[in-house]
Amino acid sequence: MPLKHRVVIAVFPDVDLLDVTGPAEVFALANRETAGRAGYEVRLAGPAAGEVRTSAGVRIIADLGFDEVGEQVDTLLVPGAVDLGDEGPVARVDPDIVAWIERTAPHCRRVASVCVGAHLLAAAGLLDGRTATTHWSTAAQLAADHPAVTVDPDPIFVRTDRGRLWTGAGISACLDLSLALVAEDLGEEVALAVARQLVMYLKRQGGQSQFSVPLSRPAAARRDIDELRVWMADHLDEDLSAEVLAQRMCLSERHFARVFKQETGQNPAAYVEAARVETARRLLETTDDALDRVAAAAGLGSAETLHRAFKRQLATTPAAYRRRFRTSSP
């Protein structure tokens, strides 16, 4: 069977290693899961063929120089590189790489950026008038440098231009984006089989946030608050009122509420609701359970309460969320 999907991944000095190897592994596993029928052929292309040192210090080999790639490209994947500035990471934008993308992109069926590679696509003019995402740490830079691009720093990937342009967050989100490309090419069953081989807990969909509730705030200065947050995550279907939590902490309710907000940025009720909505999201994505059952399992009590919480937290309804983000057909 002839190869259908020629994937070219751009590589260059200080490129993020996982942004290269992660997608390559996904496509290789897709080939394995389909006994070769997937037809992915992955090639690394750099400024010149040969050795490239990545940001991790690991060297990889570019199969081709940019000028050897030609026009027969199904999917062009563009990862990125960062420099450390005074205020944190700064996406590197090499004009030679941008010029190559400008020349190559028109011949590709699909172009995708991984992590800060979105800055290269934007500099090439591919994202003007479109919504895009990137790693949260450089989203402000992308918005400032390219006002014609609508930057959404929250999703793990964004698909636009009728599926021709994709931008992904970083860094492990490169796996989610690559799985979504496989799903588009070969169907959800193959993508889920690859996710299982990667031992990924869940194949996440594009509109999901880069952050879960526990990761959306840094570790608390107080160890007891961090321990409480872990305990709460395991007991969402129990009474998590401020009164009960304060008693568990051996604090007055007023003092507990003040300390909790200081450490997490949210009052206890808001934090609990956000955590419960996240659990409900996962159940809606992965099960066919009725809404009242989802609500009970997430600690939200009833379908009506679930509905109100989703409107507040996500500006959508549970049913609409399930239709959009269901990971496989019921």
C-alpha atoms as a PDB file:
ATOM      1  CA  MET A   1       0.000   0.000   0.000  1.00  0.00           C
ATOM      2  CA  PRO A   2       1.584   3.364  -0.998  1.00  0.00           C
ATOM      3  CA  LEU A   3       2.413   5.886   1.710  1.00  0.00           C
ATOM      4  CA  LYS A   4      -0.393   8.415   2.144  1.00  0.00           C
ATOM      5  CA  HIS A   5       0.808  10.717   4.886  1.00  0.00           C
ATOM      6  CA  ARG A   6       4.233  12.235   4.478  1.00  0.00           C
ATOM      7  CA  VAL A   7       4.874  14.126   7.717  1.00  0.00           C
ATOM      8  CA  VAL A   8       7.729  16.620   7.815  1.00  0.00           C
ATOM      9  CA  ILE A   9       8.806  17.891  11.237  1.00  0.00           C
ATOM     10  CA  ALA A  10      11.003  20.986  11.272  1.00  0.00           C
ATOM     11  CA  VAL A  11      14.092  20.770  13.494  1.00  0.00           C
ATOM     12  CA  PHE A  12      16.703  23.412  14.292  1.00  0.00           C
ATOM     13  CA  PRO A  13      19.133  24.263  17.101  1.00  0.00           C
ATOM     14  CA  ASP A  14      17.555  24.291  20.589  1.00  0.00           C
ATOM     15  CA  VAL A  15      14.233  22.888  19.367  1.00  0.00           C
ATOM     16  CA  ASP A  16      12.175  21.345  22.173  1.00  0.00           C
ATOM     17  CA  LEU A  17      12.959  17.632  22.075  1.00  0.00           C
ATOM     18  CA  LEU A  18       9.544  16.273  23.079  1.00  0.00           C
ATOM     19  CA  ASP A  19       7.842  18.471  20.469  1.00  0.00           C
ATOM     20  CA  VAL A  20       9.771  16.480  17.845  1.00  0.00           C
ATOM     21  CA  THR A  21       9.825  12.986  19.303  1.00  0.00           C
ATOM     22  CA  GLY A  22       6.286  13.035  20.743  1.00  0.00           C
ATOM     23  CA  PRO A  23       4.463  13.441  17.408  1.00  0.00           C
ATOM     24  CA  ALA A  24       6.915  11.069  15.692  1.00  0.00           C
ATOM     25  CA  GLU A  25       6.111   8.382  18.273  1.00  0.00           C
ATOM     26  CA  VAL A  26       2.364   8.869  17.831  1.00  0.00           C
ATOM     27  CA  PHE A  27       2.595   8.411  14.063  1.00  0.00           C
ATOM     28  CA  ALA A  28       4.885   5.382  14.448  1.00  0.00           C
ATOM     29  CA  LEU A  29       2.414   3.756  16.850  1.00  0.00           C
ATOM     30  CA  ALA A  30      -0.433   4.489  14.422  1.00  0.00           C
ATOM     31  CA  ASN A  31       1.511   2.559  11.787  1.00  0.00           C
ATOM     32  CA  ARG A  32       2.035  -0.291  14.249  1.00  0.00           C
ATOM     33  CA  GLU A  33      -1.598  -0.396  15.382  1.00  0.00           C
ATOM     34  CA  THR A  34      -2.777  -0.655  11.774  1.00  0.00           C
ATOM     35  CA  ALA A  35      -0.042  -3.060  10.627  1.00  0.00           C
ATOM     36  CA  GLY A  36       1.346  -0.342   8.377  1.00  0.00           C
ATOM     37  CA  ARG A  37      -1.952   0.623   6.792  1.00  0.00           C
ATOM     38  CA  ALA A  38      -1.853   4.088   8.394  1.00  0.00           C
ATOM     39  CA  GLY A  39       0.862   5.018   5.934  1.00  0.00           C
ATOM     40  CA  TYR A  40       2.712   7.640   7.954  1.00  0.00           C
ATOM     41  CA  GLU A  41       6.206   8.475   6.770  1.00  0.00           C
ATOM     42  CA  VAL A  42       7.950  10.863   9.142  1.00  0.00           C
ATOM     43  CA  ARG A  43      10.965  12.910   8.070  1.00  0.00           C
ATOM     44  CA  LEU A  44      12.913  15.496  10.038  1.00  0.00           C
ATOM     45  CA  ALA A  45      13.973  18.566   8.072  1.00  0.00           C
ATOM     46  CA  GLY A  46      16.486  21.120   9.273  1.00  0.00           C
ATOM     47  CA  PRO A  47      18.524  24.025   7.904  1.00  0.00           C
ATOM     48  CA  ALA A  48      20.846  21.275   6.651  1.00  0.00           C
ATOM     49  CA  ALA A  49      20.762  17.492   6.812  1.00  0.00           C
ATOM     50  CA  GLY A  50      22.664  16.086   9.757  1.00  0.00           C
ATOM     51  CA  GLU A  51      23.054  16.548  13.476  1.00  0.00           C
ATOM     52  CA  VAL A  52      20.875  19.026  15.413  1.00  0.00           C
ATOM     53  CA  ARG A  53      21.318  19.741  19.125  1.00  0.00           C
ATOM     54  CA  THR A  54      17.985  20.082  20.940  1.00  0.00           C
ATOM     55  CA  SER A  55      17.145  22.152  24.020  1.00  0.00           C
ATOM     56  CA  ALA A  56      17.602  19.020  26.145  1.00  0.00           C
ATOM     57  CA  GLY A  57      21.152  18.594  24.914  1.00  0.00           C
ATOM     58  CA  VAL A  58      20.187  15.418  23.047  1.00  0.00           C
ATOM     59  CA  ARG A  59      21.265  15.383  19.420  1.00  0.00           C
ATOM     60  CA  ILE A  60      18.925  14.258  16.660  1.00  0.00           C
ATOM     61  CA  ILE A  61      19.551  13.791  12.948  1.00  0.00           C
ATOM     62  CA  ALA A  62      17.743  15.803  10.289  1.00  0.00           C
ATOM     63  CA  ASP A  63      16.991  13.544   7.322  1.00  0.00           C
ATOM     64  CA  LEU A  64      16.739  16.454   4.926  1.00  0.00           C
ATOM     65  CA  GLY A  65      17.780  20.039   4.526  1.00  0.00           C
ATOM     66  CA  PHE A  66      14.940  22.521   4.146  1.00  0.00           C
ATOM     67  CA  ASP A  67      15.796  22.971   0.466  1.00  0.00           C
ATOM     68  CA  GLU A  68      15.388  19.209  -0.115  1.00  0.00           C
ATOM     69  CA  VAL A  69      11.834  18.875   1.239  1.00  0.00           C
ATOM     70  CA  GLY A  70      10.043  19.694  -1.982  1.00  0.00           C
ATOM     71  CA  GLU A  71       6.298  19.990  -2.480  1.00  0.00           C
ATOM     72  CA  GLN A  72       5.132  16.468  -1.564  1.00  0.00           C
ATOM     73  CA  VAL A  73       4.185  17.172   2.052  1.00  0.00           C
ATOM     74  CA  ASP A  74       0.960  15.988   3.619  1.00  0.00           C
ATOM     75  CA  THR A  75       1.480  17.407   7.125  1.00  0.00           C
ATOM     76  CA  LEU A  76       4.044  19.996   8.150  1.00  0.00           C
ATOM     77  CA  LEU A  77       4.734  20.096  11.902  1.00  0.00           C
ATOM     78  CA  VAL A  78       6.544  23.125  13.294  1.00  0.00           C
ATOM     79  CA  PRO A  79       7.838  22.954  16.878  1.00  0.00           C
ATOM     80  CA  GLY A  80       9.604  25.842  18.551  1.00  0.00           C
ATOM     81  CA  ALA A  81      12.517  27.003  20.641  1.00  0.00           C
ATOM     82  CA  VAL A  82      12.767  29.531  23.453  1.00  0.00           C
ATOM     83  CA  ASP A  83      15.385  31.843  24.891  1.00  0.00           C
ATOM     84  CA  LEU A  84      15.338  32.838  28.543  1.00  0.00           C
ATOM     85  CA  GLY A  85      14.683  36.541  29.015  1.00  0.00           C
ATOM     86  CA  ASP A  86      14.608  38.616  32.168  1.00  0.00           C
ATOM     87  CA  GLU A  87      10.898  37.917  32.623  1.00  0.00           C
ATOM     88  CA  GLY A  88      10.796  34.293  31.491  1.00  0.00           C
ATOM     89  CA  PRO A  89      10.781  32.318  28.221  1.00  0.00           C
ATOM     90  CA  VAL A  90      10.803  34.216  24.926  1.00  0.00           C
ATOM     91  CA  ALA A  91       9.880  32.360  21.743  1.00  0.00           C
ATOM     92  CA  ARG A  92      12.685  32.385  19.202  1.00  0.00           C
ATOM     93  CA  VAL A  93      11.692  33.474  15.685  1.00  0.00           C
ATOM     94  CA  ASP A  94      14.364  32.686  13.100  1.00  0.00           C
ATOM     95  CA  PRO A  95      13.703  34.587   9.833  1.00  0.00           C
ATOM     96  CA  ASP A  96      15.227  31.814   7.713  1.00  0.00           C
ATOM     97  CA  ILE A  97      12.853  29.238   9.191  1.00  0.00           C
ATOM     98  CA  VAL A  98       9.929  31.641   8.748  1.00  0.00           C
ATOM     99  CA  ALA A  99      10.845  32.137   5.090  1.00  0.00           C
ATOM    100  CA  TRP A 100      10.977  28.363   4.552  1.00  0.00           C
ATOM    101  CA  ILE A 101       7.546  27.941   6.156  1.00  0.00           C
ATOM    102  CA  GLU A 102       6.155  30.656   3.868  1.00  0.00           C
ATOM    103  CA  ARG A 103       7.477  28.760   0.836  1.00  0.00           C
ATOM    104  CA  THR A 104       6.465  25.288   2.006  1.00  0.00           C
ATOM    105  CA  ALA A 105       3.048  25.796   3.632  1.00  0.00           C
ATOM    106  CA  PRO A 106       1.090  26.411   0.392  1.00  0.00           C
ATOM    107  CA  HIS A 107       2.019  22.912  -0.798  1.00  0.00           C
ATOM    108  CA  CYS A 108       0.919  21.140   2.392  1.00  0.00           C
ATOM    109  CA  ARG A 109      -2.485  19.652   3.041  1.00  0.00           C
ATOM    110  CA  ARG A 110      -2.136  20.500   6.717  1.00  0.00           C
ATOM    111  CA  VAL A 111       0.163  22.690   8.822  1.00  0.00           C
ATOM    112  CA  ALA A 112       0.432  22.378  12.593  1.00  0.00           C
ATOM    113  CA  SER A 113       2.538  24.129  15.209  1.00  0.00           C
ATOM    114  CA  VAL A 114       3.593  22.520  18.450  1.00  0.00           C
ATOM    115  CA  CYS A 115       4.082  24.661  21.557  1.00  0.00           C
ATOM    116  CA  VAL A 116       5.909  27.934  20.713  1.00  0.00           C
ATOM    117  CA  GLY A 117       6.089  26.922  17.057  1.00  0.00           C
ATOM    118  CA  ALA A 118       2.922  29.030  16.731  1.00  0.00           C
ATOM    119  CA  HIS A 119       5.177  32.101  16.757  1.00  0.00           C
ATOM    120  CA  LEU A 120       6.840  30.852  13.559  1.00  0.00           C
ATOM    121  CA  LEU A 121       3.487  30.249  11.852  1.00  0.00           C
ATOM    122  CA  ALA A 122       2.311  33.698  12.919  1.00  0.00           C
ATOM    123  CA  ALA A 123       5.482  35.338  11.599  1.00  0.00           C
ATOM    124  CA  ALA A 124       4.872  33.536   8.297  1.00  0.00           C
ATOM    125  CA  GLY A 125       1.422  35.161   8.151  1.00  0.00           C
ATOM    126  CA  LEU A 126      -0.487  31.880   8.388  1.00  0.00           C
ATOM    127  CA  LEU A 127      -2.446  32.817  11.509  1.00  0.00           C
ATOM    128  CA  ASP A 128      -3.654  36.314  10.610  1.00  0.00           C
ATOM    129  CA  GLY A 129      -7.379  36.640  11.222  1.00  0.00           C
ATOM    130  CA  ARG A 130      -7.497  33.276  13.005  1.00  0.00           C
ATOM    131  CA  THR A 131      -7.612  31.972  16.554  1.00  0.00           C
ATOM    132  CA  ALA A 132      -4.480  30.223  17.778  1.00  0.00           C
ATOM    133  CA  THR A 133      -2.944  28.878  20.945  1.00  0.00           C
ATOM    134  CA  THR A 134       0.588  28.331  22.196  1.00  0.00           C
ATOM    135  CA  HIS A 135       2.325  27.499  25.432  1.00  0.00           C
ATOM    136  CA  TRP A 136       0.806  29.674  28.154  1.00  0.00           C
ATOM    137  CA  SER A 137       4.199  31.188  29.023  1.00  0.00           C
ATOM    138  CA  THR A 138       4.562  32.911  25.629  1.00  0.00           C
ATOM    139  CA  ALA A 139       0.909  33.633  24.833  1.00  0.00           C
ATOM    140  CA  ALA A 140       1.263  37.313  25.781  1.00  0.00           C
ATOM    141  CA  GLN A 141       4.276  37.620  23.466  1.00  0.00           C
ATOM    142  CA  LEU A 142       2.341  36.053  20.587  1.00  0.00           C
ATOM    143  CA  ALA A 143      -0.573  38.447  21.100  1.00  0.00           C
ATOM    144  CA  ALA A 144       1.712  41.486  21.349  1.00  0.00           C
ATOM    145  CA  ASP A 145       3.811  40.573  18.303  1.00  0.00           C
ATOM    146  CA  HIS A 146       0.829  39.606  16.119  1.00  0.00           C
ATOM    147  CA  PRO A 147      -2.281  41.693  16.846  1.00  0.00           C
ATOM    148  CA  ALA A 148      -4.026  40.191  13.795  1.00  0.00           C
ATOM    149  CA  VAL A 149      -4.043  36.811  15.569  1.00  0.00           C
ATOM    150  CA  THR A 150      -6.653  36.031  18.227  1.00  0.00           C
ATOM    151  CA  VAL A 151      -4.593  34.289  20.905  1.00  0.00           C
ATOM    152  CA  ASP A 152      -6.387  31.939  23.272  1.00  0.00           C
ATOM    153  CA  PRO A 153      -3.885  30.701  25.882  1.00  0.00           C
ATOM    154  CA  ASP A 154      -6.239  28.146  27.429  1.00  0.00           C
ATOM    155  CA  PRO A 155      -6.961  25.258  24.981  1.00  0.00           C
ATOM    156  CA  ILE A 156      -4.506  22.426  24.462  1.00  0.00           C
ATOM    157  CA  PHE A 157      -4.923  22.837  20.701  1.00  0.00           C
ATOM    158  CA  VAL A 158      -6.964  24.856  18.217  1.00  0.00           C
ATOM    159  CA  ARG A 159      -8.086  23.684  14.774  1.00  0.00           C
ATOM    160  CA  THR A 160      -8.954  26.322  12.196  1.00  0.00           C
ATOM    161  CA  ASP A 161      -9.136  27.013   8.450  1.00  0.00           C
ATOM    162  CA  ARG A 162     -11.375  23.948   7.953  1.00  0.00           C
ATOM    163  CA  GLY A 163      -8.782  21.719   9.546  1.00  0.00           C
ATOM    164  CA  ARG A 164      -5.851  22.947   7.495  1.00  0.00           C
ATOM    165  CA  LEU A 165      -4.199  24.882  10.344  1.00  0.00           C
ATOM    166  CA  TRP A 166      -3.614  23.591  13.862  1.00  0.00           C
ATOM    167  CA  THR A 167      -1.829  25.200  16.785  1.00  0.00           C
ATOM    168  CA  GLY A 168      -1.001  23.290  19.947  1.00  0.00           C
ATOM    169  CA  ALA A 169      -0.055  24.147  23.481  1.00  0.00           C
ATOM    170  CA  GLY A 170       3.058  22.749  25.091  1.00  0.00           C
ATOM    171  CA  ILE A 171       4.712  20.604  25.874  1.00  0.00           C
ATOM    172  CA  SER A 172       3.065  17.227  26.449  1.00  0.00           C
ATOM    173  CA  ALA A 173       0.036  18.586  24.553  1.00  0.00           C
ATOM    174  CA  CYS A 174       1.984  17.661  21.408  1.00  0.00           C
ATOM    175  CA  LEU A 175       0.691  14.124  22.045  1.00  0.00           C
ATOM    176  CA  ASP A 176      -2.922  15.312  22.203  1.00  0.00           C
ATOM    177  CA  LEU A 177      -2.546  17.298  18.992  1.00  0.00           C
ATOM    178  CA  SER A 178      -0.882  14.388  17.194  1.00  0.00           C
ATOM    179  CA  LEU A 179      -3.593  11.988  18.366  1.00  0.00           C
ATOM    180  CA  ALA A 180      -6.200  14.405  17.021  1.00  0.00           C
ATOM    181  CA  LEU A 181      -4.435  14.404  13.638  1.00  0.00           C
ATOM    182  CA  VAL A 182      -4.471  10.594  13.669  1.00  0.00           C
ATOM    183  CA  ALA A 183      -8.166  10.619  14.582  1.00  0.00           C
ATOM    184  CA  GLU A 184      -8.879  12.925  11.653  1.00  0.00           C
ATOM    185  CA  ASP A 185      -6.945  10.686   9.267  1.00  0.00           C
ATOM    186  CA  LEU A 186      -7.852   7.223  10.549  1.00  0.00           C
ATOM    187  CA  GLY A 187     -10.731   7.573  13.026  1.00  0.00           C
ATOM    188  CA  GLU A 188     -11.165   7.632  16.775  1.00  0.00           C
ATOM    189  CA  GLU A 189     -10.598   3.905  17.276  1.00  0.00           C
ATOM    190  CA  VAL A 190      -7.039   4.059  15.986  1.00  0.00           C
ATOM    191  CA  ALA A 191      -6.300   7.240  17.938  1.00  0.00           C
ATOM    192  CA  LEU A 192      -7.581   5.680  21.155  1.00  0.00           C
ATOM    193  CA  ALA A 193      -5.552   2.530  20.519  1.00  0.00           C
ATOM    194  CA  VAL A 194      -2.440   4.686  20.191  1.00  0.00           C
ATOM    195  CA  ALA A 195      -3.357   6.568  23.376  1.00  0.00           C
ATOM    196  CA  ARG A 196      -3.572   3.238  25.198  1.00  0.00           C
ATOM    197  CA  GLN A 197      -0.135   2.275  23.926  1.00  0.00           C
ATOM    198  CA  LEU A 198       1.190   5.575  25.257  1.00  0.00           C
ATOM    199  CA  VAL A 199      -0.478   4.777  28.601  1.00  0.00           C
ATOM    200  CA  MET A 200      -2.253   8.108  28.440  1.00  0.00           C
ATOM    201  CA  TYR A 201      -5.066   8.359  30.965  1.00  0.00           C
ATOM    202  CA  LEU A 202      -7.290  10.171  28.503  1.00  0.00           C
ATOM    203  CA  LYS A 203      -7.079  11.371  24.929  1.00  0.00           C
ATOM    204  CA  ARG A 204      -7.954  14.997  25.552  1.00  0.00           C
ATOM    205  CA  GLN A 205      -9.890  17.103  23.065  1.00  0.00           C
ATOM    206  CA  GLY A 206      -8.768  20.463  21.731  1.00  0.00           C
ATOM    207  CA  GLY A 207     -11.040  22.836  23.598  1.00  0.00           C
ATOM    208  CA  GLN A 208      -9.980  21.548  26.964  1.00  0.00           C
ATOM    209  CA  SER A 209      -7.902  23.733  29.230  1.00  0.00           C
ATOM    210  CA  GLN A 210      -4.128  23.471  29.490  1.00  0.00           C
ATOM    211  CA  PHE A 211      -4.651  23.378  33.261  1.00  0.00           C
ATOM    212  CA  SER A 212      -6.583  21.126  35.610  1.00  0.00           C
ATOM    213  CA  VAL A 213      -7.879  22.630  38.848  1.00  0.00           C
ATOM    214  CA  PRO A 214      -4.947  21.321  40.949  1.00  0.00           C
ATOM    215  CA  LEU A 215      -2.415  22.618  38.397  1.00  0.00           C
ATOM    216  CA  SER A 216      -4.026  26.014  37.874  1.00  0.00           C
ATOM    217  CA  ARG A 217      -2.478  27.332  41.079  1.00  0.00           C
ATOM    218  CA  PRO A 218       1.102  26.868  42.325  1.00  0.00           C
ATOM    219  CA  ALA A 219       1.778  24.756  45.380  1.00  0.00           C
ATOM    220  CA  ALA A 220       0.586  26.446  48.528  1.00  0.00           C
ATOM    221  CA  ALA A 221       3.109  27.828  51.004  1.00  0.00           C
ATOM    222  CA  ARG A 222       1.269  25.866  53.685  1.00  0.00           C
ATOM    223  CA  ARG A 223       1.724  22.127  53.399  1.00  0.00           C
ATOM    224  CA  ASP A 224      -1.561  21.492  55.226  1.00  0.00           C
ATOM    225  CA  ILE A 225      -3.503  23.371  52.541  1.00  0.00           C
ATOM    226  CA  ASP A 226      -1.871  21.313  49.787  1.00  0.00           C
ATOM    227  CA  GLU A 227      -2.702  18.123  51.687  1.00  0.00           C
ATOM    228  CA  LEU A 228      -6.283  19.317  52.069  1.00  0.00           C
ATOM    229  CA  ARG A 229      -6.552  19.950  48.312  1.00  0.00           C
ATOM    230  CA  VAL A 230      -5.402  16.388  47.610  1.00  0.00           C
ATOM    231  CA  TRP A 231      -7.923  15.019  50.098  1.00  0.00           C
ATOM    232  CA  MET A 232     -10.711  17.125  48.595  1.00  0.00           C
ATOM    233  CA  ALA A 233      -9.993  15.731  45.121  1.00  0.00           C
ATOM    234  CA  ASP A 234     -10.616  12.221  46.471  1.00  0.00           C
ATOM    235  CA  HIS A 235     -13.823  13.140  48.335  1.00  0.00           C
ATOM    236  CA  LEU A 236     -15.730  15.388  45.927  1.00  0.00           C
ATOM    237  CA  ASP A 237     -18.969  13.491  46.489  1.00  0.00           C
ATOM    238  CA  GLU A 238     -18.905  14.253  50.229  1.00  0.00           C
ATOM    239  CA  ASP A 239     -19.820  17.383  52.216  1.00  0.00           C
ATOM    240  CA  LEU A 240     -17.079  19.896  51.418  1.00  0.00           C
ATOM    241  CA  SER A 241     -18.671  22.955  52.973  1.00  0.00           C
ATOM    242  CA  ALA A 242     -16.394  25.564  54.501  1.00  0.00           C
ATOM    243  CA  GLU A 243     -17.607  24.480  57.929  1.00  0.00           C
ATOM    244  CA  VAL A 244     -16.613  20.838  57.383  1.00  0.00           C
ATOM    245  CA  LEU A 245     -13.255  21.778  55.834  1.00  0.00           C
ATOM    246  CA  ALA A 246     -12.487  24.202  58.642  1.00  0.00           C
ATOM    247  CA  GLN A 247     -13.206  21.488  61.197  1.00  0.00           C
ATOM    248  CA  ARG A 248     -10.860  19.141  59.354  1.00  0.00           C
ATOM    249  CA  MET A 249      -8.153  21.799  59.546  1.00  0.00           C
ATOM    250  CA  CYS A 250      -8.907  22.552  63.215  1.00  0.00           C
ATOM    251  CA  LEU A 251      -9.481  26.208  62.357  1.00  0.00           C
ATOM    252  CA  SER A 252     -12.365  28.570  62.772  1.00  0.00           C
ATOM    253  CA  GLU A 253     -14.478  28.826  59.624  1.00  0.00           C
ATOM    254  CA  ARG A 254     -13.577  32.500  59.172  1.00  0.00           C
ATOM    255  CA  HIS A 255      -9.843  31.941  59.609  1.00  0.00           C
ATOM    256  CA  PHE A 256      -9.900  28.880  57.346  1.00  0.00           C
ATOM    257  CA  ALA A 257     -11.668  30.780  54.542  1.00  0.00           C
ATOM    258  CA  ARG A 258      -9.102  33.575  54.772  1.00  0.00           C
ATOM    259  CA  VAL A 259      -6.114  31.191  54.717  1.00  0.00           C
ATOM    260  CA  PHE A 260      -7.550  29.054  51.904  1.00  0.00           C
ATOM    261  CA  LYS A 261      -8.140  32.048  49.637  1.00  0.00           C
ATOM    262  CA  GLN A 262      -4.710  33.422  50.400  1.00  0.00           C
ATOM    263  CA  GLU A 263      -3.090  30.131  49.413  1.00  0.00           C
ATOM    264  CA  THR A 264      -5.257  29.153  46.406  1.00  0.00           C
ATOM    265  CA  GLY A 265      -6.662  32.428  45.095  1.00  0.00           C
ATOM    266  CA  GLN A 266     -10.233  31.169  45.492  1.00  0.00           C
ATOM    267  CA  ASN A 267     -12.702  30.908  48.315  1.00  0.00           C
ATOM    268  CA  PRO A 268     -13.464  27.300  49.362  1.00  0.00           C
ATOM    269  CA  ALA A 269     -16.869  27.140  47.660  1.00  0.00           C
ATOM    270  CA  ALA A 270     -15.519  28.361  44.302  1.00  0.00           C
ATOM    271  CA  TYR A 271     -12.596  25.940  44.436  1.00  0.00           C
ATOM    272  CA  VAL A 272     -14.839  22.984  45.267  1.00  0.00           C
ATOM    273  CA  GLU A 273     -17.247  23.806  42.459  1.00  0.00           C
ATOM    274  CA  ALA A 274     -14.398  24.099  39.937  1.00  0.00           C
ATOM    275  CA  ALA A 275     -12.985  20.732  41.036  1.00  0.00           C
ATOM    276  CA  ARG A 276     -16.409  19.091  40.822  1.00  0.00           C
ATOM    277  CA  VAL A 277     -17.034  20.522  37.359  1.00  0.00           C
ATOM    278  CA  GLU A 278     -13.681  19.131  36.225  1.00  0.00           C
ATOM    279  CA  THR A 279     -14.673  15.673  37.444  1.00  0.00           C
ATOM    280  CA  ALA A 280     -18.032  16.003  35.703  1.00  0.00           C
ATOM    281  CA  ARG A 281     -16.231  16.975  32.502  1.00  0.00           C
ATOM    282  CA  ARG A 282     -14.190  13.786  32.572  1.00  0.00           C
ATOM    283  CA  LEU A 283     -17.306  11.681  33.117  1.00  0.00           C
ATOM    284  CA  LEU A 284     -19.137  13.400  30.270  1.00  0.00           C
ATOM    285  CA  GLU A 285     -16.147  12.805  27.989  1.00  0.00           C
ATOM    286  CA  THR A 286     -15.676   9.132  28.802  1.00  0.00           C
ATOM    287  CA  THR A 287     -19.029   7.660  29.862  1.00  0.00           C
ATOM    288  CA  ASP A 288     -22.642   7.496  28.727  1.00  0.00           C
ATOM    289  CA  ASP A 289     -23.935   8.050  32.274  1.00  0.00           C
ATOM    290  CA  ALA A 290     -27.099  10.094  32.624  1.00  0.00           C
ATOM    291  CA  LEU A 291     -26.634  13.673  33.826  1.00  0.00           C
ATOM    292  CA  ASP A 292     -28.067  13.001  37.280  1.00  0.00           C
ATOM    293  CA  ARG A 293     -25.601  10.144  37.748  1.00  0.00           C
ATOM    294  CA  VAL A 294     -22.710  12.340  36.583  1.00  0.00           C
ATOM    295  CA  ALA A 295     -23.838  15.067  38.969  1.00  0.00           C
ATOM    296  CA  ALA A 296     -23.958  12.657  41.898  1.00  0.00           C
ATOM    297  CA  ALA A 297     -20.544  11.159  41.163  1.00  0.00           C
ATOM    298  CA  ALA A 298     -18.991  14.622  40.891  1.00  0.00           C
ATOM    299  CA  GLY A 299     -20.576  15.792  44.122  1.00  0.00           C
ATOM    300  CA  LEU A 300     -22.918  18.262  42.429  1.00  0.00           C
ATOM    301  CA  GLY A 301     -26.054  16.510  43.637  1.00  0.00           C
ATOM    302  CA  SER A 302     -28.522  16.942  40.804  1.00  0.00           C
ATOM    303  CA  ALA A 303     -28.631  17.516  37.069  1.00  0.00           C
ATOM    304  CA  GLU A 304     -30.003  21.011  37.728  1.00  0.00           C
ATOM    305  CA  THR A 305     -27.022  21.893  39.940  1.00  0.00           C
ATOM    306  CA  LEU A 306     -24.678  20.385  37.350  1.00  0.00           C
ATOM    307  CA  HIS A 307     -26.269  22.563  34.670  1.00  0.00           C
ATOM    308  CA  ARG A 308     -25.898  25.759  36.727  1.00  0.00           C
ATOM    309  CA  ALA A 309     -22.267  24.961  37.604  1.00  0.00           C
ATOM    310  CA  PHE A 310     -21.374  24.331  33.948  1.00  0.00           C
ATOM    311  CA  LYS A 311     -22.941  27.638  32.922  1.00  0.00           C
ATOM    312  CA  ARG A 312     -20.903  29.472  35.555  1.00  0.00           C
ATOM    313  CA  GLN A 313     -17.610  27.667  34.983  1.00  0.00           C
ATOM    314  CA  LEU A 314     -17.630  26.911  31.246  1.00  0.00           C
ATOM    315  CA  ALA A 315     -20.425  29.057  29.777  1.00  0.00           C
ATOM    316  CA  THR A 316     -22.025  25.978  28.226  1.00  0.00           C
ATOM    317  CA  THR A 317     -24.378  23.141  29.192  1.00  0.00           C
ATOM    318  CA  PRO A 318     -23.385  19.579  30.145  1.00  0.00           C
ATOM    319  CA  ALA A 319     -25.191  18.189  27.109  1.00  0.00           C
ATOM    320  CA  ALA A 320     -23.446  20.589  24.716  1.00  0.00           C
ATOM    321  CA  TYR A 321     -20.092  19.823  26.335  1.00  0.00           C
ATOM    322  CA  ARG A 322     -20.610  16.073  25.909  1.00  0.00           C
ATOM    323  CA  ARG A 323     -21.562  16.461  22.238  1.00  0.00           C
ATOM    324  CA  ARG A 324     -18.359  18.384  21.562  1.00  0.00           C
ATOM    325  CA  PHE A 325     -15.839  16.507  23.678  1.00  0.00           C
ATOM    326  CA  ARG A 326     -17.061  12.896  23.801  1.00  0.00           C
ATOM    327  CA  THR A 327     -13.881  10.869  23.242  1.00  0.00           C
ATOM    328  CA  SER A 328     -15.610   8.026  21.376  1.00  0.00           C
ATOM    329  CA  SER A 329     -18.990   7.251  19.949  1.00  0.00           C
ATOM    330  CA  PRO A 330     -21.533   5.982  22.533  1.00  0.00           C
END
